[in-house]
N, C-alpha and C. Protein backbone atom coordinates (compact mmCIF):
# COMPACT_ATOMS: atom_id res chain seq x y z
N MET A 1 0.15 23.54 -5.26
CA MET A 1 0.07 24.99 -5.48
C MET A 1 0.43 25.74 -4.19
N PHE A 2 -0.25 25.40 -3.07
CA PHE A 2 0.07 26.04 -1.80
C PHE A 2 1.48 25.69 -1.35
N ASP A 3 1.89 24.44 -1.62
CA ASP A 3 3.21 23.98 -1.17
C ASP A 3 4.31 24.83 -1.78
N GLY A 4 4.15 25.22 -3.03
CA GLY A 4 5.18 26.02 -3.68
C GLY A 4 5.15 27.47 -3.26
N ARG A 5 3.95 28.03 -3.05
CA ARG A 5 3.83 29.46 -2.78
C ARG A 5 4.01 29.82 -1.31
N PHE A 6 3.57 28.95 -0.43
CA PHE A 6 3.53 29.31 0.99
C PHE A 6 4.42 28.43 1.87
N LYS A 7 5.21 27.55 1.26
CA LYS A 7 5.98 26.60 2.05
C LYS A 7 6.94 27.30 3.00
N LYS A 8 7.69 28.28 2.51
CA LYS A 8 8.66 28.97 3.35
C LYS A 8 7.98 29.73 4.48
N GLU A 9 6.85 30.35 4.18
CA GLU A 9 6.12 31.10 5.20
C GLU A 9 5.58 30.16 6.28
N VAL A 10 5.05 29.01 5.85
CA VAL A 10 4.53 28.03 6.81
C VAL A 10 5.65 27.50 7.68
N GLU A 11 6.79 27.20 7.07
CA GLU A 11 7.94 26.69 7.85
C GLU A 11 8.40 27.71 8.88
N ARG A 12 8.35 28.98 8.53
CA ARG A 12 8.75 30.02 9.48
C ARG A 12 7.78 30.07 10.66
N ILE A 13 6.49 29.86 10.39
CA ILE A 13 5.48 29.92 11.45
C ILE A 13 5.59 28.72 12.39
N VAL A 14 5.82 27.53 11.82
CA VAL A 14 5.81 26.31 12.64
C VAL A 14 7.16 26.01 13.28
N ARG A 15 8.19 26.77 12.92
CA ARG A 15 9.52 26.52 13.50
C ARG A 15 9.51 26.58 15.02
N PRO A 16 8.88 27.59 15.65
CA PRO A 16 8.84 27.61 17.13
C PRO A 16 8.12 26.40 17.72
N VAL A 17 7.10 25.90 17.02
CA VAL A 17 6.39 24.71 17.49
C VAL A 17 7.33 23.51 17.50
N GLY A 18 8.17 23.42 16.48
CA GLY A 18 9.15 22.35 16.43
C GLY A 18 10.11 22.39 17.61
N GLU A 19 10.50 23.59 18.00
CA GLU A 19 11.39 23.73 19.16
C GLU A 19 10.70 23.29 20.44
N LEU A 20 9.42 23.61 20.58
CA LEU A 20 8.67 23.18 21.76
C LEU A 20 8.50 21.67 21.79
N LEU A 21 8.20 21.09 20.64
CA LEU A 21 8.00 19.64 20.57
C LEU A 21 9.28 18.89 20.84
N ARG A 22 10.41 19.50 20.54
CA ARG A 22 11.70 18.85 20.78
C ARG A 22 11.89 18.54 22.26
N ARG A 23 11.36 19.37 23.10
CA ARG A 23 11.50 19.18 24.55
C ARG A 23 10.63 18.04 25.08
N THR A 24 9.66 17.60 24.31
CA THR A 24 8.78 16.52 24.75
C THR A 24 9.39 15.15 24.52
N LYS A 25 10.51 15.07 23.85
CA LYS A 25 11.18 13.81 23.52
C LYS A 25 10.43 12.98 22.48
N LEU A 26 9.40 13.57 21.87
CA LEU A 26 8.73 12.88 20.78
C LEU A 26 9.61 12.92 19.54
N SER A 27 9.49 11.92 18.70
CA SER A 27 10.21 11.91 17.44
C SER A 27 9.25 12.28 16.31
N PRO A 28 9.75 12.69 15.15
CA PRO A 28 8.86 12.99 14.03
C PRO A 28 7.99 11.79 13.63
N ASP A 29 8.54 10.59 13.75
CA ASP A 29 7.77 9.39 13.42
C ASP A 29 6.60 9.21 14.37
N HIS A 30 6.79 9.59 15.64
CA HIS A 30 5.68 9.52 16.60
C HIS A 30 4.53 10.43 16.15
N LEU A 31 4.87 11.64 15.73
CA LEU A 31 3.83 12.56 15.28
C LEU A 31 3.12 12.02 14.04
N THR A 32 3.88 11.44 13.14
CA THR A 32 3.29 10.87 11.93
C THR A 32 2.27 9.78 12.28
N LEU A 33 2.63 8.92 13.22
CA LEU A 33 1.72 7.85 13.63
C LEU A 33 0.49 8.39 14.36
N ILE A 34 0.69 9.43 15.17
CA ILE A 34 -0.44 10.05 15.86
C ILE A 34 -1.44 10.60 14.83
N GLY A 35 -0.91 11.25 13.79
CA GLY A 35 -1.78 11.76 12.74
C GLY A 35 -2.56 10.66 12.05
N LEU A 36 -1.91 9.51 11.82
CA LEU A 36 -2.60 8.37 11.19
C LEU A 36 -3.72 7.85 12.08
N LEU A 37 -3.46 7.72 13.37
CA LEU A 37 -4.48 7.23 14.30
C LEU A 37 -5.70 8.16 14.34
N ILE A 38 -5.43 9.46 14.38
CA ILE A 38 -6.55 10.42 14.37
C ILE A 38 -7.32 10.33 13.06
N ALA A 39 -6.61 10.13 11.96
CA ALA A 39 -7.27 10.01 10.66
C ALA A 39 -8.17 8.78 10.60
N CYS A 40 -7.74 7.70 11.24
CA CYS A 40 -8.58 6.49 11.28
C CYS A 40 -9.88 6.76 12.03
N VAL A 41 -9.78 7.47 13.14
CA VAL A 41 -10.99 7.83 13.90
C VAL A 41 -11.86 8.77 13.07
N ALA A 42 -11.23 9.71 12.36
CA ALA A 42 -11.98 10.63 11.51
C ALA A 42 -12.72 9.88 10.41
N ALA A 43 -12.08 8.87 9.82
CA ALA A 43 -12.71 8.11 8.75
C ALA A 43 -13.96 7.38 9.25
N VAL A 44 -13.86 6.78 10.43
CA VAL A 44 -15.03 6.09 11.01
C VAL A 44 -16.13 7.09 11.31
N THR A 45 -15.76 8.25 11.83
CA THR A 45 -16.74 9.28 12.16
C THR A 45 -17.46 9.77 10.90
N ILE A 46 -16.71 9.96 9.83
CA ILE A 46 -17.32 10.38 8.56
C ILE A 46 -18.24 9.28 8.02
N ALA A 47 -17.79 8.04 8.12
CA ALA A 47 -18.56 6.92 7.58
C ALA A 47 -19.93 6.80 8.23
N ILE A 48 -20.02 7.11 9.52
CA ILE A 48 -21.31 6.99 10.21
C ILE A 48 -22.15 8.26 10.11
N GLY A 49 -21.64 9.25 9.38
CA GLY A 49 -22.44 10.44 9.10
C GLY A 49 -22.23 11.63 10.00
N GLU A 50 -21.27 11.56 10.92
CA GLU A 50 -20.98 12.70 11.78
C GLU A 50 -19.93 13.58 11.10
N LEU A 51 -20.35 14.28 10.05
CA LEU A 51 -19.39 14.97 9.19
C LEU A 51 -18.70 16.14 9.89
N GLN A 52 -19.42 16.89 10.69
CA GLN A 52 -18.81 18.04 11.34
C GLN A 52 -17.75 17.61 12.36
N VAL A 53 -18.05 16.53 13.09
CA VAL A 53 -17.04 15.98 14.01
C VAL A 53 -15.86 15.45 13.20
N GLY A 54 -16.17 14.80 12.08
CA GLY A 54 -15.11 14.31 11.20
C GLY A 54 -14.25 15.43 10.68
N LEU A 55 -14.85 16.58 10.40
CA LEU A 55 -14.10 17.75 9.94
C LEU A 55 -13.06 18.17 10.98
N LEU A 56 -13.48 18.24 12.24
CA LEU A 56 -12.54 18.62 13.30
C LEU A 56 -11.41 17.61 13.41
N LEU A 57 -11.74 16.33 13.30
CA LEU A 57 -10.73 15.29 13.41
C LEU A 57 -9.76 15.31 12.23
N VAL A 58 -10.26 15.62 11.05
CA VAL A 58 -9.37 15.75 9.88
C VAL A 58 -8.37 16.87 10.10
N ILE A 59 -8.85 17.98 10.66
CA ILE A 59 -7.94 19.10 10.96
C ILE A 59 -6.89 18.68 11.98
N PHE A 60 -7.34 17.99 13.03
CA PHE A 60 -6.40 17.52 14.06
C PHE A 60 -5.41 16.51 13.48
N ALA A 61 -5.87 15.70 12.53
CA ALA A 61 -4.98 14.72 11.90
C ALA A 61 -3.94 15.39 11.02
N ALA A 62 -4.29 16.55 10.47
CA ALA A 62 -3.35 17.26 9.60
C ALA A 62 -2.26 17.98 10.38
N LEU A 63 -2.54 18.32 11.64
CA LEU A 63 -1.56 19.08 12.42
C LEU A 63 -0.26 18.31 12.67
N PRO A 64 -0.29 17.04 13.08
CA PRO A 64 0.99 16.31 13.24
C PRO A 64 1.79 16.25 11.96
N ASP A 65 1.09 16.13 10.83
CA ASP A 65 1.79 16.10 9.54
C ASP A 65 2.43 17.45 9.24
N LEU A 66 1.85 18.51 9.77
CA LEU A 66 2.41 19.85 9.59
C LEU A 66 3.62 20.08 10.47
N PHE A 67 3.59 19.49 11.67
CA PHE A 67 4.63 19.76 12.66
C PHE A 67 5.79 18.77 12.64
N ASP A 68 5.62 17.60 12.01
CA ASP A 68 6.69 16.60 12.09
C ASP A 68 7.96 17.07 11.39
N GLY A 69 7.79 17.82 10.29
CA GLY A 69 8.96 18.36 9.62
C GLY A 69 9.70 19.39 10.46
N ALA A 70 8.93 20.24 11.14
CA ALA A 70 9.54 21.25 12.02
C ALA A 70 10.27 20.58 13.17
N LEU A 71 9.69 19.51 13.72
CA LEU A 71 10.35 18.78 14.80
C LEU A 71 11.62 18.11 14.31
N ALA A 72 11.57 17.54 13.10
CA ALA A 72 12.74 16.88 12.55
C ALA A 72 13.91 17.86 12.39
N LYS A 73 13.61 19.06 11.95
CA LYS A 73 14.66 20.07 11.79
C LYS A 73 15.17 20.56 13.14
N ALA A 74 14.24 20.77 14.07
CA ALA A 74 14.64 21.29 15.38
C ALA A 74 15.49 20.29 16.16
N SER A 75 15.23 19.00 15.97
CA SER A 75 15.95 17.96 16.71
C SER A 75 17.04 17.29 15.88
N ASN A 76 17.30 17.84 14.69
CA ASN A 76 18.33 17.28 13.81
C ASN A 76 18.07 15.80 13.51
N GLN A 77 16.80 15.46 13.26
CA GLN A 77 16.44 14.08 12.97
C GLN A 77 15.96 13.90 11.53
N SER A 78 16.23 14.88 10.68
CA SER A 78 15.86 14.74 9.28
C SER A 78 16.65 13.61 8.64
N SER A 79 15.97 12.74 7.93
CA SER A 79 16.64 11.60 7.32
C SER A 79 15.83 11.10 6.13
N GLN A 80 16.47 10.31 5.29
CA GLN A 80 15.76 9.70 4.16
C GLN A 80 14.72 8.71 4.66
N ARG A 81 15.06 7.98 5.74
CA ARG A 81 14.11 7.03 6.29
C ARG A 81 12.86 7.74 6.78
N GLY A 82 13.03 8.86 7.47
CA GLY A 82 11.88 9.61 7.97
C GLY A 82 11.03 10.17 6.84
N ALA A 83 11.70 10.68 5.79
CA ALA A 83 10.96 11.22 4.65
C ALA A 83 10.15 10.13 3.96
N PHE A 84 10.75 8.95 3.82
CA PHE A 84 10.05 7.82 3.20
C PHE A 84 8.86 7.39 4.04
N PHE A 85 9.07 7.31 5.35
CA PHE A 85 8.01 6.90 6.26
C PHE A 85 6.85 7.89 6.23
N ASP A 86 7.17 9.17 6.26
CA ASP A 86 6.15 10.22 6.25
C ASP A 86 5.34 10.18 4.97
N SER A 87 6.02 10.02 3.83
CA SER A 87 5.33 9.97 2.55
C SER A 87 4.42 8.75 2.45
N THR A 88 4.90 7.62 2.94
CA THR A 88 4.09 6.40 2.91
C THR A 88 2.84 6.54 3.77
N ILE A 89 3.00 7.06 4.98
CA ILE A 89 1.86 7.23 5.87
C ILE A 89 0.87 8.24 5.31
N ASP A 90 1.36 9.25 4.60
CA ASP A 90 0.45 10.21 3.95
C ASP A 90 -0.49 9.50 2.98
N ARG A 91 0.06 8.55 2.20
CA ARG A 91 -0.78 7.82 1.25
C ARG A 91 -1.79 6.95 1.98
N VAL A 92 -1.35 6.31 3.07
CA VAL A 92 -2.28 5.48 3.86
C VAL A 92 -3.39 6.35 4.45
N THR A 93 -3.01 7.52 4.98
CA THR A 93 -3.99 8.43 5.57
C THR A 93 -5.03 8.87 4.54
N ASP A 94 -4.56 9.22 3.34
CA ASP A 94 -5.49 9.63 2.28
C ASP A 94 -6.47 8.51 1.95
N ALA A 95 -5.95 7.28 1.86
CA ALA A 95 -6.80 6.14 1.52
C ALA A 95 -7.85 5.90 2.62
N VAL A 96 -7.43 6.01 3.87
CA VAL A 96 -8.34 5.78 4.99
C VAL A 96 -9.46 6.83 4.99
N LEU A 97 -9.09 8.10 4.83
CA LEU A 97 -10.10 9.17 4.85
C LEU A 97 -11.09 9.03 3.69
N LEU A 98 -10.57 8.76 2.50
CA LEU A 98 -11.45 8.61 1.35
C LEU A 98 -12.29 7.34 1.46
N GLY A 99 -11.76 6.33 2.15
CA GLY A 99 -12.58 5.15 2.41
C GLY A 99 -13.78 5.49 3.28
N GLY A 100 -13.57 6.34 4.29
CA GLY A 100 -14.69 6.80 5.12
C GLY A 100 -15.71 7.59 4.31
N VAL A 101 -15.22 8.44 3.42
CA VAL A 101 -16.11 9.21 2.55
C VAL A 101 -16.90 8.27 1.63
N ALA A 102 -16.23 7.25 1.09
CA ALA A 102 -16.90 6.29 0.21
C ALA A 102 -18.03 5.57 0.93
N TRP A 103 -17.76 5.17 2.17
CA TRP A 103 -18.79 4.49 2.95
C TRP A 103 -20.01 5.39 3.16
N PHE A 104 -19.74 6.65 3.51
CA PHE A 104 -20.84 7.59 3.75
C PHE A 104 -21.64 7.83 2.47
N LEU A 105 -20.96 8.10 1.35
CA LEU A 105 -21.67 8.36 0.10
C LEU A 105 -22.44 7.13 -0.37
N GLY A 106 -21.86 5.94 -0.15
CA GLY A 106 -22.57 4.73 -0.53
C GLY A 106 -23.85 4.54 0.26
N SER A 107 -23.83 4.90 1.53
CA SER A 107 -25.02 4.75 2.37
C SER A 107 -26.06 5.83 2.08
N GLN A 108 -25.62 6.98 1.61
CA GLN A 108 -26.53 8.10 1.37
C GLN A 108 -27.03 8.17 -0.07
N ARG A 109 -26.17 7.84 -1.03
CA ARG A 109 -26.49 8.04 -2.44
C ARG A 109 -26.42 6.77 -3.28
N GLY A 110 -26.14 5.66 -2.66
CA GLY A 110 -26.10 4.41 -3.41
C GLY A 110 -24.69 3.99 -3.74
N ALA A 111 -24.58 2.74 -4.22
CA ALA A 111 -23.27 2.14 -4.45
C ALA A 111 -22.44 2.90 -5.49
N HIS A 112 -23.10 3.43 -6.51
CA HIS A 112 -22.35 4.13 -7.56
C HIS A 112 -21.61 5.34 -7.02
N ALA A 113 -22.20 6.04 -6.05
CA ALA A 113 -21.56 7.23 -5.49
C ALA A 113 -20.30 6.88 -4.72
N SER A 114 -20.25 5.67 -4.16
CA SER A 114 -19.07 5.27 -3.39
C SER A 114 -17.85 5.08 -4.26
N VAL A 115 -18.03 4.93 -5.57
CA VAL A 115 -16.89 4.77 -6.48
C VAL A 115 -16.14 6.09 -6.64
N LEU A 116 -16.81 7.21 -6.44
CA LEU A 116 -16.22 8.52 -6.67
C LEU A 116 -14.97 8.77 -5.81
N PRO A 117 -15.01 8.55 -4.49
CA PRO A 117 -13.78 8.75 -3.69
C PRO A 117 -12.63 7.84 -4.11
N PHE A 118 -12.96 6.61 -4.57
CA PHE A 118 -11.90 5.72 -5.02
C PHE A 118 -11.28 6.22 -6.33
N ALA A 119 -12.08 6.88 -7.16
CA ALA A 119 -11.54 7.50 -8.37
C ALA A 119 -10.60 8.64 -8.00
N VAL A 120 -10.99 9.42 -6.98
CA VAL A 120 -10.12 10.49 -6.49
C VAL A 120 -8.81 9.91 -5.97
N MET A 121 -8.89 8.81 -5.23
CA MET A 121 -7.69 8.19 -4.70
C MET A 121 -6.79 7.68 -5.81
N ALA A 122 -7.38 7.11 -6.86
CA ALA A 122 -6.58 6.60 -7.98
C ALA A 122 -5.81 7.72 -8.66
N VAL A 123 -6.48 8.83 -8.94
CA VAL A 123 -5.80 9.95 -9.62
C VAL A 123 -4.79 10.61 -8.68
N SER A 124 -5.11 10.69 -7.38
CA SER A 124 -4.17 11.25 -6.41
C SER A 124 -2.89 10.41 -6.35
N SER A 125 -3.05 9.09 -6.40
CA SER A 125 -1.88 8.21 -6.39
C SER A 125 -1.05 8.41 -7.65
N LEU A 126 -1.72 8.65 -8.77
CA LEU A 126 -1.00 8.93 -10.01
C LEU A 126 -0.18 10.21 -9.89
N ILE A 127 -0.75 11.23 -9.26
CA ILE A 127 -0.04 12.49 -9.06
C ILE A 127 1.22 12.26 -8.23
N SER A 128 1.09 11.50 -7.14
CA SER A 128 2.25 11.21 -6.29
C SER A 128 3.29 10.39 -7.05
N TYR A 129 2.82 9.42 -7.83
CA TYR A 129 3.75 8.60 -8.61
C TYR A 129 4.51 9.42 -9.63
N GLN A 130 3.83 10.36 -10.28
CA GLN A 130 4.49 11.20 -11.27
C GLN A 130 5.65 11.97 -10.66
N ARG A 131 5.44 12.49 -9.47
CA ARG A 131 6.53 13.24 -8.81
C ARG A 131 7.68 12.31 -8.44
N ALA A 132 7.34 11.14 -7.87
CA ALA A 132 8.38 10.21 -7.45
C ALA A 132 9.19 9.72 -8.65
N LYS A 133 8.52 9.38 -9.73
CA LYS A 133 9.22 8.89 -10.92
C LYS A 133 10.05 9.98 -11.56
N ALA A 134 9.51 11.19 -11.60
CA ALA A 134 10.27 12.30 -12.20
C ALA A 134 11.54 12.56 -11.40
N GLU A 135 11.45 12.56 -10.08
CA GLU A 135 12.63 12.80 -9.26
C GLU A 135 13.64 11.67 -9.39
N ALA A 136 13.16 10.43 -9.57
CA ALA A 136 14.06 9.30 -9.79
C ALA A 136 14.83 9.46 -11.10
N LEU A 137 14.23 10.16 -12.06
CA LEU A 137 14.88 10.41 -13.34
C LEU A 137 15.69 11.71 -13.34
N GLY A 138 15.76 12.37 -12.20
CA GLY A 138 16.51 13.61 -12.12
C GLY A 138 15.74 14.81 -12.61
N LEU A 139 14.41 14.69 -12.74
CA LEU A 139 13.57 15.79 -13.21
C LEU A 139 12.70 16.26 -12.04
N THR A 140 11.78 17.17 -12.31
CA THR A 140 10.90 17.68 -11.26
C THR A 140 9.46 17.69 -11.75
N ALA A 141 8.54 17.35 -10.84
CA ALA A 141 7.12 17.34 -11.21
C ALA A 141 6.27 18.00 -10.13
N LYS A 142 6.85 18.91 -9.37
CA LYS A 142 6.09 19.58 -8.33
C LYS A 142 5.08 20.53 -8.95
N GLY A 143 4.10 20.91 -8.13
CA GLY A 143 3.14 21.92 -8.57
C GLY A 143 1.86 21.30 -9.10
N GLY A 144 0.98 22.18 -9.58
CA GLY A 144 -0.32 21.76 -10.06
C GLY A 144 -1.44 22.34 -9.20
N LEU A 145 -2.65 22.24 -9.71
CA LEU A 145 -3.79 22.84 -9.03
C LEU A 145 -4.16 22.12 -7.74
N MET A 146 -4.00 20.80 -7.69
CA MET A 146 -4.54 20.02 -6.58
C MET A 146 -3.48 19.08 -6.01
N GLU A 147 -2.61 19.65 -5.16
CA GLU A 147 -1.66 18.83 -4.42
C GLU A 147 -2.33 18.38 -3.12
N ARG A 148 -1.55 17.73 -2.25
CA ARG A 148 -2.18 17.12 -1.07
C ARG A 148 -2.82 18.17 -0.15
N ALA A 149 -2.18 19.30 0.04
CA ALA A 149 -2.74 20.33 0.92
C ALA A 149 -4.10 20.81 0.40
N GLU A 150 -4.18 21.01 -0.91
CA GLU A 150 -5.44 21.46 -1.49
C GLU A 150 -6.53 20.38 -1.35
N ARG A 151 -6.13 19.12 -1.47
CA ARG A 151 -7.12 18.03 -1.34
C ARG A 151 -7.69 17.99 0.08
N ILE A 152 -6.83 18.17 1.08
CA ILE A 152 -7.30 18.17 2.46
C ILE A 152 -8.24 19.36 2.71
N ILE A 153 -7.87 20.53 2.18
CA ILE A 153 -8.71 21.72 2.36
C ILE A 153 -10.08 21.53 1.71
N LEU A 154 -10.09 20.99 0.49
CA LEU A 154 -11.36 20.78 -0.21
C LEU A 154 -12.21 19.72 0.50
N LEU A 155 -11.56 18.70 1.04
CA LEU A 155 -12.30 17.70 1.82
C LEU A 155 -12.95 18.34 3.04
N CYS A 156 -12.22 19.22 3.71
CA CYS A 156 -12.77 19.91 4.88
C CYS A 156 -13.97 20.77 4.50
N VAL A 157 -13.88 21.42 3.35
CA VAL A 157 -15.02 22.23 2.88
C VAL A 157 -16.23 21.33 2.64
N GLY A 158 -15.99 20.18 2.01
CA GLY A 158 -17.09 19.26 1.73
C GLY A 158 -17.73 18.70 2.98
N LEU A 159 -16.97 18.58 4.05
CA LEU A 159 -17.50 18.03 5.30
C LEU A 159 -18.36 19.01 6.08
N LEU A 160 -18.42 20.24 5.63
CA LEU A 160 -19.23 21.23 6.33
C LEU A 160 -20.71 20.88 6.29
N PHE A 161 -21.18 20.35 5.14
CA PHE A 161 -22.60 20.02 4.97
C PHE A 161 -22.71 18.66 4.28
N ASP A 162 -23.73 17.90 4.66
CA ASP A 162 -23.92 16.56 4.10
C ASP A 162 -24.06 16.59 2.58
N SER A 163 -24.83 17.53 2.08
CA SER A 163 -25.09 17.58 0.64
C SER A 163 -23.91 18.11 -0.15
N LEU A 164 -22.96 18.75 0.51
CA LEU A 164 -21.84 19.36 -0.19
C LEU A 164 -20.72 18.36 -0.48
N LEU A 165 -20.62 17.31 0.30
CA LEU A 165 -19.49 16.39 0.20
C LEU A 165 -19.44 15.71 -1.17
N PHE A 166 -20.59 15.29 -1.68
CA PHE A 166 -20.64 14.62 -2.98
C PHE A 166 -20.07 15.50 -4.07
N TRP A 167 -20.46 16.77 -4.09
CA TRP A 167 -20.00 17.68 -5.14
C TRP A 167 -18.55 18.10 -4.92
N ALA A 168 -18.13 18.14 -3.67
CA ALA A 168 -16.71 18.41 -3.40
C ALA A 168 -15.84 17.30 -3.95
N MET A 169 -16.30 16.06 -3.87
CA MET A 169 -15.56 14.93 -4.44
C MET A 169 -15.48 15.02 -5.96
N TRP A 170 -16.56 15.43 -6.58
CA TRP A 170 -16.54 15.62 -8.04
C TRP A 170 -15.53 16.71 -8.43
N LEU A 171 -15.56 17.82 -7.70
CA LEU A 171 -14.63 18.91 -7.99
C LEU A 171 -13.19 18.46 -7.77
N MET A 172 -12.97 17.70 -6.69
CA MET A 172 -11.62 17.20 -6.41
C MET A 172 -11.14 16.28 -7.53
N LEU A 173 -12.01 15.42 -8.02
CA LEU A 173 -11.63 14.51 -9.10
C LEU A 173 -11.25 15.28 -10.36
N ILE A 174 -12.03 16.30 -10.69
CA ILE A 174 -11.73 17.11 -11.89
C ILE A 174 -10.39 17.83 -11.74
N LEU A 175 -10.18 18.46 -10.58
CA LEU A 175 -8.94 19.21 -10.37
C LEU A 175 -7.73 18.29 -10.26
N CYS A 176 -7.91 17.12 -9.66
CA CYS A 176 -6.81 16.15 -9.60
C CYS A 176 -6.43 15.67 -11.00
N THR A 177 -7.44 15.45 -11.84
CA THR A 177 -7.17 15.03 -13.21
C THR A 177 -6.40 16.11 -13.97
N ILE A 178 -6.79 17.36 -13.79
CA ILE A 178 -6.07 18.47 -14.42
C ILE A 178 -4.63 18.51 -13.93
N THR A 179 -4.44 18.30 -12.63
CA THR A 179 -3.10 18.30 -12.05
C THR A 179 -2.23 17.20 -12.64
N ALA A 180 -2.81 16.00 -12.79
CA ALA A 180 -2.07 14.88 -13.38
C ALA A 180 -1.64 15.21 -14.81
N VAL A 181 -2.52 15.85 -15.56
CA VAL A 181 -2.18 16.25 -16.93
C VAL A 181 -1.08 17.32 -16.92
N GLN A 182 -1.21 18.29 -16.00
CA GLN A 182 -0.18 19.33 -15.88
C GLN A 182 1.19 18.72 -15.60
N ARG A 183 1.25 17.80 -14.66
CA ARG A 183 2.54 17.20 -14.31
C ARG A 183 3.09 16.34 -15.44
N PHE A 184 2.19 15.66 -16.15
CA PHE A 184 2.65 14.85 -17.28
C PHE A 184 3.38 15.70 -18.30
N PHE A 185 2.76 16.79 -18.71
CA PHE A 185 3.39 17.63 -19.74
C PHE A 185 4.61 18.37 -19.19
N LYS A 186 4.63 18.67 -17.90
CA LYS A 186 5.80 19.31 -17.30
C LYS A 186 7.01 18.39 -17.40
N VAL A 187 6.83 17.14 -17.03
CA VAL A 187 7.93 16.17 -17.11
C VAL A 187 8.25 15.84 -18.56
N TRP A 188 7.24 15.72 -19.39
CA TRP A 188 7.43 15.39 -20.80
C TRP A 188 8.29 16.45 -21.49
N ASN A 189 8.00 17.71 -21.20
CA ASN A 189 8.77 18.80 -21.81
C ASN A 189 10.21 18.84 -21.28
N GLN A 190 10.39 18.58 -19.99
CA GLN A 190 11.75 18.53 -19.45
C GLN A 190 12.56 17.42 -20.10
N ALA A 191 11.94 16.27 -20.26
CA ALA A 191 12.64 15.13 -20.84
C ALA A 191 12.97 15.38 -22.31
N ALA A 192 12.13 16.15 -23.01
CA ALA A 192 12.39 16.44 -24.41
C ALA A 192 13.59 17.37 -24.57
N VAL A 193 13.74 18.31 -23.66
CA VAL A 193 14.85 19.26 -23.74
C VAL A 193 16.15 18.62 -23.29
N ALA A 194 16.09 17.82 -22.22
CA ALA A 194 17.29 17.20 -21.67
C ALA A 194 16.98 15.75 -21.32
N PRO A 195 17.09 14.83 -22.30
CA PRO A 195 16.78 13.43 -22.04
C PRO A 195 17.60 12.90 -20.87
N ALA A 196 16.93 12.20 -19.97
CA ALA A 196 17.59 11.72 -18.76
C ALA A 196 18.21 10.35 -19.02
N THR A 197 19.46 10.33 -19.42
CA THR A 197 20.17 9.07 -19.59
C THR A 197 20.55 8.50 -18.24
N ALA A 198 20.95 7.25 -18.23
CA ALA A 198 21.31 6.61 -16.97
C ALA A 198 22.49 7.32 -16.31
N GLU A 199 23.44 7.80 -17.14
CA GLU A 199 24.60 8.50 -16.59
C GLU A 199 24.19 9.81 -15.93
N ARG A 200 23.27 10.54 -16.56
CA ARG A 200 22.83 11.81 -15.99
C ARG A 200 22.04 11.58 -14.71
N VAL A 201 21.21 10.56 -14.71
CA VAL A 201 20.46 10.25 -13.50
C VAL A 201 21.39 9.92 -12.36
N ALA A 202 22.40 9.08 -12.64
CA ALA A 202 23.36 8.71 -11.59
C ALA A 202 24.12 9.93 -11.09
N LEU A 203 24.50 10.83 -12.02
CA LEU A 203 25.23 12.03 -11.64
C LEU A 203 24.37 12.93 -10.76
N ARG A 204 23.11 13.14 -11.13
CA ARG A 204 22.21 13.98 -10.35
C ARG A 204 21.96 13.39 -8.98
N GLN A 205 21.76 12.08 -8.93
CA GLN A 205 21.54 11.44 -7.64
C GLN A 205 22.77 11.54 -6.75
N SER A 206 23.96 11.42 -7.38
CA SER A 206 25.20 11.55 -6.62
C SER A 206 25.35 12.96 -6.05
N ARG A 207 25.02 13.97 -6.84
CA ARG A 207 25.09 15.34 -6.36
C ARG A 207 24.12 15.58 -5.22
N ARG A 208 22.90 15.05 -5.33
CA ARG A 208 21.92 15.22 -4.26
C ARG A 208 22.39 14.53 -2.98
N ALA A 209 22.97 13.33 -3.14
CA ALA A 209 23.48 12.63 -1.97
C ALA A 209 24.60 13.40 -1.30
N SER A 210 25.46 14.03 -2.12
CA SER A 210 26.55 14.83 -1.57
C SER A 210 26.03 16.03 -0.81
N ARG A 211 25.01 16.70 -1.38
CA ARG A 211 24.43 17.86 -0.70
C ARG A 211 23.77 17.45 0.61
N ARG A 212 23.06 16.31 0.59
CA ARG A 212 22.43 15.84 1.83
C ARG A 212 23.49 15.51 2.88
N SER A 213 24.61 14.92 2.43
CA SER A 213 25.67 14.57 3.37
C SER A 213 26.30 15.82 3.98
N LEU A 214 26.50 16.86 3.15
CA LEU A 214 27.05 18.11 3.67
C LEU A 214 26.11 18.76 4.67
N ARG A 215 24.79 18.76 4.35
CA ARG A 215 23.82 19.34 5.28
C ARG A 215 23.80 18.57 6.60
N ALA A 216 23.88 17.25 6.50
CA ALA A 216 23.89 16.44 7.73
C ALA A 216 25.12 16.73 8.57
N ASP A 217 26.28 16.90 7.90
CA ASP A 217 27.51 17.23 8.63
C ASP A 217 27.40 18.58 9.32
N ARG A 218 26.81 19.56 8.63
CA ARG A 218 26.65 20.88 9.23
C ARG A 218 25.73 20.82 10.44
N ARG A 219 24.61 20.07 10.31
CA ARG A 219 23.70 19.94 11.44
C ARG A 219 24.37 19.26 12.62
N LEU A 220 25.22 18.25 12.32
CA LEU A 220 25.92 17.55 13.39
C LEU A 220 26.90 18.46 14.11
N ARG A 221 27.62 19.29 13.34
CA ARG A 221 28.56 20.23 13.96
C ARG A 221 27.83 21.25 14.81
N LEU A 222 26.69 21.75 14.30
CA LEU A 222 25.91 22.72 15.07
C LEU A 222 25.39 22.10 16.35
N SER A 223 24.94 20.85 16.25
CA SER A 223 24.44 20.16 17.43
C SER A 223 25.53 19.99 18.48
N ARG A 224 26.74 19.65 18.03
CA ARG A 224 27.84 19.48 18.97
C ARG A 224 28.20 20.80 19.65
N ARG A 225 28.17 21.89 18.86
CA ARG A 225 28.47 23.20 19.44
C ARG A 225 27.43 23.58 20.49
N ARG A 226 26.15 23.29 20.22
CA ARG A 226 25.10 23.62 21.19
C ARG A 226 25.28 22.79 22.46
N ASN A 227 25.65 21.53 22.30
CA ASN A 227 25.84 20.68 23.47
C ASN A 227 27.04 21.14 24.31
N MET A 228 28.06 21.64 23.62
CA MET A 228 29.25 22.14 24.35
C MET A 228 28.92 23.38 25.18
N LYS A 229 27.96 24.17 24.65
CA LYS A 229 27.57 25.39 25.38
C LYS A 229 26.75 25.01 26.62
């Protein structure tokens, strides 16, 4: 939801940060890994019950994920490999953080409560899979009430108080389930109007590859002009 409504505004805000990071010689992959390391520390902190400290670490872990795209654009390092790596690490980060939440809830509310974060992770993975599969078929499955940004925000709210985290997980599970249903019918309706045959999928993928190639060529020409100056 936030990704669709505020993406352009966020990109405009973080663009100067990307320019600053470009001077540090860091790569977008470096930022992605830094975010994962901070998330691992946050998960351990949450597991041992230091929720407010964990909240700060979750925020710090989210910042590299926010800035790596800006750095990639500023340094002309946008690539399919980087996008794949970033998406994969996002899933690992989510699993690590929810694992920390599961440990905490299990120690505070019993073994049954620890299943709740894993249920959230299962439905979240379904949401990500729906988008990936839809795009592979030449369709779109973006949007919904509870995308990754909303999940991180709700987790941060839950970490404010010990008693709030359990109910925040329940709310996240409900909203994630609604999102999965929303995406299912979105893709289902698209497929009903325009069935995605193998030929159409290949054509759409070819067009996307051509557009990416043209954008890469333009970035390369701009980079050469800047270097000449």
